[in-house]
Amino acid sequence: MMNALGLAEAVTYGEGGLETRLRRWEAAERPVIQHTQRFSYRLGHLNPLPDGPRSALLTVMNRSRTLAGMRMRAATTVPTGMNRFPA
């Protein structure tokens, strides 16, 4: 949903031609997209673990500010265009 909002902002209100607007949108959004995909993929490797050990490991991981920040990066990112389309 964040990307749809950013894309609507870029296409509707961006400067330059459509290709330029799309390039700028991708350059702005790609880092968060790639981070989220990589983190989710790695976290998915924990799925085969039994519930108890997986839950304990996730609890320990969340105590790390670095890992908690990585987990929450997409959730705490203010979407492009949010100032134009407030919630």
C-alpha atoms as a PDB file:
ATOM      1  CA  MET A   1       0.000   0.000   0.000  1.00  0.00           C
ATOM      2  CA  MET A   2       2.895   2.344   0.768  1.00  0.00           C
ATOM      3  CA  ASN A   3       4.284   1.830  -2.708  1.00  0.00           C
ATOM      4  CA  ALA A   4       0.909   2.459  -4.326  1.00  0.00           C
ATOM      5  CA  LEU A   5       0.648   5.750  -2.460  1.00  0.00           C
ATOM      6  CA  GLY A   6       4.177   6.739  -3.471  1.00  0.00           C
ATOM      7  CA  LEU A   7       3.530   5.757  -7.076  1.00  0.00           C
ATOM      8  CA  ALA A   8       0.304   7.791  -7.187  1.00  0.00           C
ATOM      9  CA  GLU A   9       2.207  10.783  -5.780  1.00  0.00           C
ATOM     10  CA  ALA A  10       5.051  10.412  -8.282  1.00  0.00           C
ATOM     11  CA  VAL A  11       2.882   9.958 -11.359  1.00  0.00           C
ATOM     12  CA  THR A  12       0.343  12.629 -10.462  1.00  0.00           C
ATOM     13  CA  TYR A  13       2.475  15.379  -8.962  1.00  0.00           C
ATOM     14  CA  GLY A  14       6.080  14.654  -9.974  1.00  0.00           C
ATOM     15  CA  GLU A  15       8.103  16.873 -12.238  1.00  0.00           C
ATOM     16  CA  GLY A  16       9.313  15.874 -15.685  1.00  0.00           C
ATOM     17  CA  GLY A  17       8.023  13.205 -18.014  1.00  0.00           C
ATOM     18  CA  LEU A  18       6.503   9.915 -16.928  1.00  0.00           C
ATOM     19  CA  GLU A  19       9.786   7.992 -17.287  1.00  0.00           C
ATOM     20  CA  THR A  20      11.578  10.544 -15.106  1.00  0.00           C
ATOM     21  CA  ARG A  21       8.829  10.396 -12.496  1.00  0.00           C
ATOM     22  CA  LEU A  22       8.954   6.599 -12.413  1.00  0.00           C
ATOM     23  CA  ARG A  23      12.754   6.555 -12.123  1.00  0.00           C
ATOM     24  CA  ARG A  24      12.628   8.999  -9.191  1.00  0.00           C
ATOM     25  CA  TRP A  25       9.889   6.976  -7.521  1.00  0.00           C
ATOM     26  CA  GLU A  26      11.856   3.740  -7.830  1.00  0.00           C
ATOM     27  CA  ALA A  27      15.065   5.368  -6.581  1.00  0.00           C
ATOM     28  CA  ALA A  28      13.212   6.663  -3.521  1.00  0.00           C
ATOM     29  CA  GLU A  29      11.313   3.454  -2.732  1.00  0.00           C
ATOM     30  CA  ARG A  30      13.735   0.702  -3.799  1.00  0.00           C
ATOM     31  CA  PRO A  31      15.953   0.738  -0.653  1.00  0.00           C
ATOM     32  CA  VAL A  32      13.021   0.048   1.696  1.00  0.00           C
ATOM     33  CA  ILE A  33      11.561  -2.541  -0.685  1.00  0.00           C
ATOM     34  CA  GLN A  34      14.852  -4.437  -0.951  1.00  0.00           C
ATOM     35  CA  HIS A  35      15.468  -4.273   2.789  1.00  0.00           C
ATOM     36  CA  THR A  36      11.983  -5.625   3.542  1.00  0.00           C
ATOM     37  CA  GLN A  37      12.316  -8.443   1.020  1.00  0.00           C
ATOM     38  CA  ARG A  38      15.754  -9.496   2.306  1.00  0.00           C
ATOM     39  CA  PHE A  39      14.731  -9.338   5.960  1.00  0.00           C
ATOM     40  CA  SER A  40      11.496 -11.269   5.330  1.00  0.00           C
ATOM     41  CA  TYR A  41      13.345 -13.918   3.341  1.00  0.00           C
ATOM     42  CA  ARG A  42      15.899 -14.428   6.118  1.00  0.00           C
ATOM     43  CA  LEU A  43      13.237 -14.464   8.805  1.00  0.00           C
ATOM     44  CA  GLY A  44      11.371 -17.096   6.807  1.00  0.00           C
ATOM     45  CA  HIS A  45      14.249 -19.506   7.458  1.00  0.00           C
ATOM     46  CA  LEU A  46      13.019 -19.702  11.062  1.00  0.00           C
ATOM     47  CA  ASN A  47       9.625 -21.103  10.020  1.00  0.00           C
ATOM     48  CA  PRO A  48      10.680 -24.791  10.133  1.00  0.00           C
ATOM     49  CA  LEU A  49      11.686 -24.445  13.796  1.00  0.00           C
ATOM     50  CA  PRO A  50       9.211 -25.678  16.404  1.00  0.00           C
ATOM     51  CA  ASP A  51       7.057 -22.920  17.945  1.00  0.00           C
ATOM     52  CA  GLY A  52       8.833 -22.848  21.323  1.00  0.00           C
ATOM     53  CA  PRO A  53      12.417 -22.385  20.092  1.00  0.00           C
ATOM     54  CA  ARG A  54      11.318 -20.032  17.291  1.00  0.00           C
ATOM     55  CA  SER A  55       9.374 -17.868  19.737  1.00  0.00           C
ATOM     56  CA  ALA A  56      12.317 -17.758  22.164  1.00  0.00           C
ATOM     57  CA  LEU A  57      14.724 -16.834  19.369  1.00  0.00           C
ATOM     58  CA  LEU A  58      12.436 -14.060  18.105  1.00  0.00           C
ATOM     59  CA  THR A  59      12.108 -12.693  21.652  1.00  0.00           C
ATOM     60  CA  VAL A  60      15.887 -12.532  21.999  1.00  0.00           C
ATOM     61  CA  MET A  61      16.231 -10.962  18.550  1.00  0.00           C
ATOM     62  CA  ASN A  62      13.712  -8.254  19.445  1.00  0.00           C
ATOM     63  CA  ARG A  63      15.853  -7.236  22.418  1.00  0.00           C
ATOM     64  CA  SER A  64      18.514  -6.111  19.963  1.00  0.00           C
ATOM     65  CA  ARG A  65      17.890  -2.515  18.957  1.00  0.00           C
ATOM     66  CA  THR A  66      19.558  -3.153  15.624  1.00  0.00           C
ATOM     67  CA  LEU A  67      17.449  -6.200  14.754  1.00  0.00           C
ATOM     68  CA  ALA A  68      14.255  -4.619  16.087  1.00  0.00           C
ATOM     69  CA  GLY A  69      14.965  -1.541  13.966  1.00  0.00           C
ATOM     70  CA  MET A  70      15.540  -3.706  10.919  1.00  0.00           C
ATOM     71  CA  ARG A  71      12.260  -5.526  11.551  1.00  0.00           C
ATOM     72  CA  MET A  72      10.346  -2.271  11.936  1.00  0.00           C
ATOM     73  CA  ARG A  73      11.972  -0.317   9.085  1.00  0.00           C
ATOM     74  CA  ALA A  74       9.101  -0.619   6.617  1.00  0.00           C
ATOM     75  CA  ALA A  75       6.482  -0.029   9.306  1.00  0.00           C
ATOM     76  CA  THR A  76       8.148   3.179  10.453  1.00  0.00           C
ATOM     77  CA  THR A  77       8.866   4.549   6.988  1.00  0.00           C
ATOM     78  CA  VAL A  78       6.681   7.517   6.092  1.00  0.00           C
ATOM     79  CA  PRO A  79       5.347   6.797   2.612  1.00  0.00           C
ATOM     80  CA  THR A  80       6.193   9.137  -0.225  1.00  0.00           C
ATOM     81  CA  GLY A  81       3.186  11.347  -0.764  1.00  0.00           C
ATOM     82  CA  MET A  82       1.840  11.017   2.763  1.00  0.00           C
ATOM     83  CA  ASN A  83       1.920  14.800   3.110  1.00  0.00           C
ATOM     84  CA  ARG A  84      -0.396  15.100   0.104  1.00  0.00           C
ATOM     85  CA  PHE A  85      -2.678  12.192   1.033  1.00  0.00           C
ATOM     86  CA  PRO A  86      -2.885  12.270   4.842  1.00  0.00           C
ATOM     87  CA  ALA A  87      -4.477   9.342   6.639  1.00  0.00           C
END
